[in-house]
C-alpha atoms as a PDB file:
ATOM      1  CA  UNK A   1     -83.304 -75.496 -91.926  1.00  0.00           C
ATOM      2  CA  UNK A   2     -86.520 -77.192 -91.032  1.00  0.00           C
ATOM      3  CA  UNK A   3     -86.978 -78.497 -87.478  1.00  0.00           C
ATOM      4  CA  UNK A   4     -86.970 -82.188 -88.529  1.00  0.00           C
ATOM      5  CA  UNK A   5     -83.860 -81.925 -90.779  1.00  0.00           C
ATOM      6  CA  UNK A   6     -80.497 -82.285 -89.093  1.00  0.00           C
ATOM      7  CA  UNK A   7     -77.205 -80.883 -90.181  1.00  0.00           C
ATOM      8  CA  UNK A   8     -76.175 -84.481 -91.190  1.00  0.00           C
ATOM      9  CA  UNK A   9     -79.269 -84.672 -93.447  1.00  0.00           C
ATOM     10  CA  UNK A  10     -78.470 -81.239 -94.888  1.00  0.00           C
ATOM     11  CA  UNK A  11     -74.944 -82.365 -95.814  1.00  0.00           C
ATOM     12  CA  UNK A  12     -76.170 -85.825 -96.930  1.00  0.00           C
ATOM     13  CA  UNK A  13     -73.851 -87.805 -94.584  1.00  0.00           C
ATOM     14  CA  UNK A  14     -74.343 -90.255 -91.835  1.00  0.00           C
ATOM     15  CA  UNK A  15     -73.902 -89.428 -88.112  1.00  0.00           C
ATOM     16  CA  UNK A  16     -70.760 -91.539 -88.022  1.00  0.00           C
ATOM     17  CA  UNK A  17     -69.084 -89.714 -90.923  1.00  0.00           C
ATOM     18  CA  UNK A  18     -65.444 -88.790 -90.585  1.00  0.00           C
ATOM     19  CA  UNK A  19     -63.891 -85.405 -91.235  1.00  0.00           C
ATOM     20  CA  UNK A  20     -62.800 -86.164 -94.735  1.00  0.00           C
ATOM     21  CA  UNK A  21     -66.258 -87.340 -95.860  1.00  0.00           C
ATOM     22  CA  UNK A  22     -67.809 -84.213 -94.192  1.00  0.00           C
ATOM     23  CA  UNK A  23     -65.391 -81.997 -96.126  1.00  0.00           C
ATOM     24  CA  UNK A  24     -66.078 -83.795 -99.364  1.00  0.00           C
ATOM     25  CA  UNK A  25     -69.908 -83.494 -98.886  1.00  0.00           C
ATOM     26  CA  UNK A  26     -69.450 -79.753 -97.995  1.00  0.00           C
ATOM     27  CA  UNK A  27     -67.293 -78.996-101.030  1.00  0.00           C
ATOM     28  CA  UNK A  28     -69.746 -80.809-103.334  1.00  0.00           C
ATOM     29  CA  UNK A  29     -72.788 -79.060-101.980  1.00  0.00           C
ATOM     30  CA  UNK A  30     -71.096 -75.578-101.767  1.00  0.00           C
ATOM     31  CA  UNK A  31     -70.125 -75.890-105.406  1.00  0.00           C
ATOM     32  CA  UNK A  32     -73.655 -76.848-106.375  1.00  0.00           C
ATOM     33  CA  UNK A  33     -75.458 -74.263-104.183  1.00  0.00           C
ATOM     34  CA  UNK A  34     -73.138 -71.167-104.438  1.00  0.00           C
ATOM     35  CA  UNK A  35     -75.259 -68.219-105.639  1.00  0.00           C
ATOM     36  CA  UNK A  36     -72.762 -67.430-108.427  1.00  0.00           C
ATOM     37  CA  UNK A  37     -72.726 -70.958-109.900  1.00  0.00           C
ATOM     38  CA  UNK A  38     -76.276 -72.319-109.433  1.00  0.00           C
ATOM     39  CA  UNK A  39     -79.423 -71.870-111.471  1.00  0.00           C
ATOM     40  CA  UNK A  40     -81.512 -71.417-108.337  1.00  0.00           C
ATOM     41  CA  UNK A  41     -83.048 -67.984-107.523  1.00  0.00           C
ATOM     42  CA  UNK A  42     -80.321 -65.878-105.804  1.00  0.00           C
ATOM     43  CA  UNK A  43     -82.216 -65.568-102.520  1.00  0.00           C
ATOM     44  CA  UNK A  44     -82.889 -69.358-102.243  1.00  0.00           C
ATOM     45  CA  UNK A  45     -79.351 -70.211-103.291  1.00  0.00           C
ATOM     46  CA  UNK A  46     -77.844 -67.813-100.734  1.00  0.00           C
ATOM     47  CA  UNK A  47     -80.013 -69.170 -97.968  1.00  0.00           C
ATOM     48  CA  UNK A  48     -79.240 -72.851 -98.775  1.00  0.00           C
ATOM     49  CA  UNK A  49     -75.585 -72.057 -99.268  1.00  0.00           C
ATOM     50  CA  UNK A  50     -75.584 -70.370 -95.787  1.00  0.00           C
ATOM     51  CA  UNK A  51     -77.268 -73.370 -94.171  1.00  0.00           C
ATOM     52  CA  UNK A  52     -74.665 -75.764 -95.703  1.00  0.00           C
ATOM     53  CA  UNK A  53     -71.785 -73.490 -94.488  1.00  0.00           C
ATOM     54  CA  UNK A  54     -73.329 -73.387 -91.017  1.00  0.00           C
ATOM     55  CA  UNK A  55     -73.804 -77.159 -90.919  1.00  0.00           C
ATOM     56  CA  UNK A  56     -70.197 -77.873 -91.979  1.00  0.00           C
ATOM     57  CA  UNK A  57     -68.732 -75.300 -89.581  1.00  0.00           C
ATOM     58  CA  UNK A  58     -70.531 -76.886 -86.655  1.00  0.00           C
ATOM     59  CA  UNK A  59     -69.826 -80.495 -87.628  1.00  0.00           C
ATOM     60  CA  UNK A  60     -66.140 -79.860 -88.498  1.00  0.00           C
ATOM     61  CA  UNK A  61     -65.388 -78.775 -84.971  1.00  0.00           C
ATOM     62  CA  UNK A  62     -65.190 -81.882 -82.752  1.00  0.00           C
ATOM     63  CA  UNK A  63     -66.366 -80.108 -79.543  1.00  0.00           C
ATOM     64  CA  UNK A  64     -69.303 -78.395 -81.237  1.00  0.00           C
ATOM     65  CA  UNK A  65     -70.195 -81.693 -83.015  1.00  0.00           C
ATOM     66  CA  UNK A  66     -70.180 -83.610 -79.658  1.00  0.00           C
ATOM     67  CA  UNK A  67     -72.520 -81.006 -78.182  1.00  0.00           C
ATOM     68  CA  UNK A  68     -74.739 -81.031 -81.245  1.00  0.00           C
ATOM     69  CA  UNK A  69     -74.980 -84.883 -81.236  1.00  0.00           C
ATOM     70  CA  UNK A  70     -75.866 -84.779 -77.496  1.00  0.00           C
ATOM     71  CA  UNK A  71     -78.530 -82.164 -78.106  1.00  0.00           C
ATOM     72  CA  UNK A  72     -79.779 -84.131 -81.116  1.00  0.00           C
ATOM     73  CA  UNK A  73     -80.096 -87.290 -79.102  1.00  0.00           C
ATOM     74  CA  UNK A  74     -81.925 -85.456 -76.319  1.00  0.00           C
ATOM     75  CA  UNK A  75     -84.350 -83.955 -78.909  1.00  0.00           C
ATOM     76  CA  UNK A  76     -85.041 -87.488 -80.370  1.00  0.00           C
ATOM     77  CA  UNK A  77     -85.627 -88.804 -76.818  1.00  0.00           C
ATOM     78  CA  UNK A  78     -88.037 -85.941 -76.051  1.00  0.00           C
ATOM     79  CA  UNK A  79     -89.935 -86.545 -79.280  1.00  0.00           C
ATOM     80  CA  UNK A  80     -90.383 -90.228 -78.475  1.00  0.00           C
ATOM     81  CA  UNK A  81     -91.786 -89.279 -75.034  1.00  0.00           C
ATOM     82  CA  UNK A  82     -93.922 -86.435 -76.362  1.00  0.00           C
ATOM     83  CA  UNK A  83     -92.070 -83.604 -74.675  1.00  0.00           C
ATOM     84  CA  UNK A  84     -91.289 -80.687 -77.186  1.00  0.00           C
ATOM     85  CA  UNK A  85     -88.803 -78.066 -76.155  1.00  0.00           C
ATOM     86  CA  UNK A  86     -86.922 -75.522 -78.290  1.00  0.00           C
ATOM     87  CA  UNK A  87     -83.417 -76.578 -79.305  1.00  0.00           C
ATOM     88  CA  UNK A  88     -80.676 -74.123 -78.263  1.00  0.00           C
ATOM     89  CA  UNK A  89     -78.471 -72.870 -81.059  1.00  0.00           C
ATOM     90  CA  UNK A  90     -75.082 -74.276 -80.045  1.00  0.00           C
ATOM     91  CA  UNK A  91     -72.943 -72.309 -82.466  1.00  0.00           C
ATOM     92  CA  UNK A  92     -74.068 -68.838 -81.298  1.00  0.00           C
ATOM     93  CA  UNK A  93     -73.361 -69.553 -77.608  1.00  0.00           C
ATOM     94  CA  UNK A  94     -69.956 -71.297 -78.086  1.00  0.00           C
ATOM     95  CA  UNK A  95     -68.414 -69.038 -80.742  1.00  0.00           C
ATOM     96  CA  UNK A  96     -68.218 -66.082 -78.338  1.00  0.00           C
ATOM     97  CA  UNK A  97     -66.465 -65.748 -75.100  1.00  0.00           C
ATOM     98  CA  UNK A  98     -67.432 -63.049 -72.622  1.00  0.00           C
ATOM     99  CA  UNK A  99     -69.126 -61.054 -75.353  1.00  0.00           C
ATOM    100  CA  UNK A 100     -66.051 -61.008 -77.603  1.00  0.00           C
ATOM    101  CA  UNK A 101     -65.447 -63.251 -80.633  1.00  0.00           C
ATOM    102  CA  UNK A 102     -62.664 -65.824 -80.604  1.00  0.00           C
ATOM    103  CA  UNK A 103     -60.154 -64.963 -83.172  1.00  0.00           C
ATOM    104  CA  UNK A 104     -58.655 -67.603 -85.421  1.00  0.00           C
ATOM    105  CA  UNK A 105     -54.934 -67.834 -86.090  1.00  0.00           C
ATOM    106  CA  UNK A 106     -53.458 -66.354 -89.270  1.00  0.00           C
ATOM    107  CA  UNK A 107     -53.085 -68.764 -92.106  1.00  0.00           C
ATOM    108  CA  UNK A 108     -49.843 -69.327 -93.927  1.00  0.00           C
ATOM    109  CA  UNK A 109     -50.983 -67.245 -96.888  1.00  0.00           C
ATOM    110  CA  UNK A 110     -51.925 -64.357 -94.657  1.00  0.00           C
ATOM    111  CA  UNK A 111     -48.489 -64.457 -92.860  1.00  0.00           C
ATOM    112  CA  UNK A 112     -46.680 -64.612 -96.245  1.00  0.00           C
ATOM    113  CA  UNK A 113     -48.748 -61.526 -97.370  1.00  0.00           C
ATOM    114  CA  UNK A 114     -47.802 -59.567 -94.305  1.00  0.00           C
ATOM    115  CA  UNK A 115     -44.131 -60.559 -94.871  1.00  0.00           C
ATOM    116  CA  UNK A 116     -44.251 -59.335 -98.438  1.00  0.00           C
ATOM    117  CA  UNK A 117     -45.964 -56.109 -97.297  1.00  0.00           C
ATOM    118  CA  UNK A 118     -43.163 -55.496 -94.727  1.00  0.00           C
ATOM    119  CA  UNK A 119     -40.452 -56.160 -97.343  1.00  0.00           C
ATOM    120  CA  UNK A 120     -42.044 -53.770 -99.808  1.00  0.00           C
ATOM    121  CA  UNK A 121     -42.268 -51.061 -97.213  1.00  0.00           C
ATOM    122  CA  UNK A 122     -38.609 -51.572 -96.220  1.00  0.00           C
ATOM    123  CA  UNK A 123     -37.448 -51.542 -99.833  1.00  0.00           C
ATOM    124  CA  UNK A 124     -39.434 -48.346-100.539  1.00  0.00           C
ATOM    125  CA  UNK A 125     -37.723 -46.744 -97.523  1.00  0.00           C
ATOM    126  CA  UNK A 126     -34.211 -47.708 -98.591  1.00  0.00           C
ATOM    127  CA  UNK A 127     -34.815 -46.627-102.138  1.00  0.00           C
ATOM    128  CA  UNK A 128     -36.159 -43.203-101.110  1.00  0.00           C
ATOM    129  CA  UNK A 129     -33.362 -42.615 -98.691  1.00  0.00           C
ATOM    130  CA  UNK A 130     -30.810 -43.837-101.240  1.00  0.00           C
ATOM    131  CA  UNK A 131     -32.199 -41.508-103.903  1.00  0.00           C
ATOM    132  CA  UNK A 132     -32.197 -38.557-101.447  1.00  0.00           C
ATOM    133  CA  UNK A 133     -28.547 -39.223-100.514  1.00  0.00           C
ATOM    134  CA  UNK A 134     -27.475 -39.705-104.248  1.00  0.00           C
ATOM    135  CA  UNK A 135     -29.171 -36.317-105.220  1.00  0.00           C
ATOM    136  CA  UNK A 136     -27.397 -34.515-102.300  1.00  0.00           C
ATOM    137  CA  UNK A 137     -30.605 -33.733-100.442  1.00  0.00           C
ATOM    138  CA  UNK A 138     -30.886 -33.272 -96.690  1.00  0.00           C
ATOM    139  CA  UNK A 139     -32.463 -36.184 -94.951  1.00  0.00           C
ATOM    140  CA  UNK A 140     -33.969 -33.813 -92.476  1.00  0.00           C
ATOM    141  CA  UNK A 141     -34.949 -30.277 -93.366  1.00  0.00           C
ATOM    142  CA  UNK A 142     -36.919 -27.537 -91.706  1.00  0.00           C
ATOM    143  CA  UNK A 143     -40.347 -26.767 -93.203  1.00  0.00           C
ATOM    144  CA  UNK A 144     -40.493 -23.439 -95.063  1.00  0.00           C
ATOM    145  CA  UNK A 145     -43.099 -22.042 -92.692  1.00  0.00           C
ATOM    146  CA  UNK A 146     -40.740 -22.394 -89.781  1.00  0.00           C
ATOM    147  CA  UNK A 147     -37.893 -20.460 -91.442  1.00  0.00           C
ATOM    148  CA  UNK A 148     -38.030 -16.777 -90.439  1.00  0.00           C
END
């Protein structure tokens, strides 16, 4: 992202845009810029797609967006007065806590997958024990190398 371009400019929305218009702009741009679906060179498409994802991730979070807006206004005020200072990357400093990343909660699909995995393991256990009992096998036997 260039220094004069903001995340709002990158997504093509105004600074007063609500969450739904941000999401709509992100989805449109991500479909257009995804390296698998665009006619742009792969390196450029990946770079631009990453920039769009980074912009949406920051602007979708209300706390990060408020910090970004504050820093953006400070930057504009400094440019008007002629003072130029480097802008701190908000996302990298706020996404980590004490050197460890903040984990997101599991989604409904991930929880459902874990539930299905547990059910498959339990069914496999019951089927194997049932077959062993049906065939008259011992459920616990000594290994052959232990028998003297």
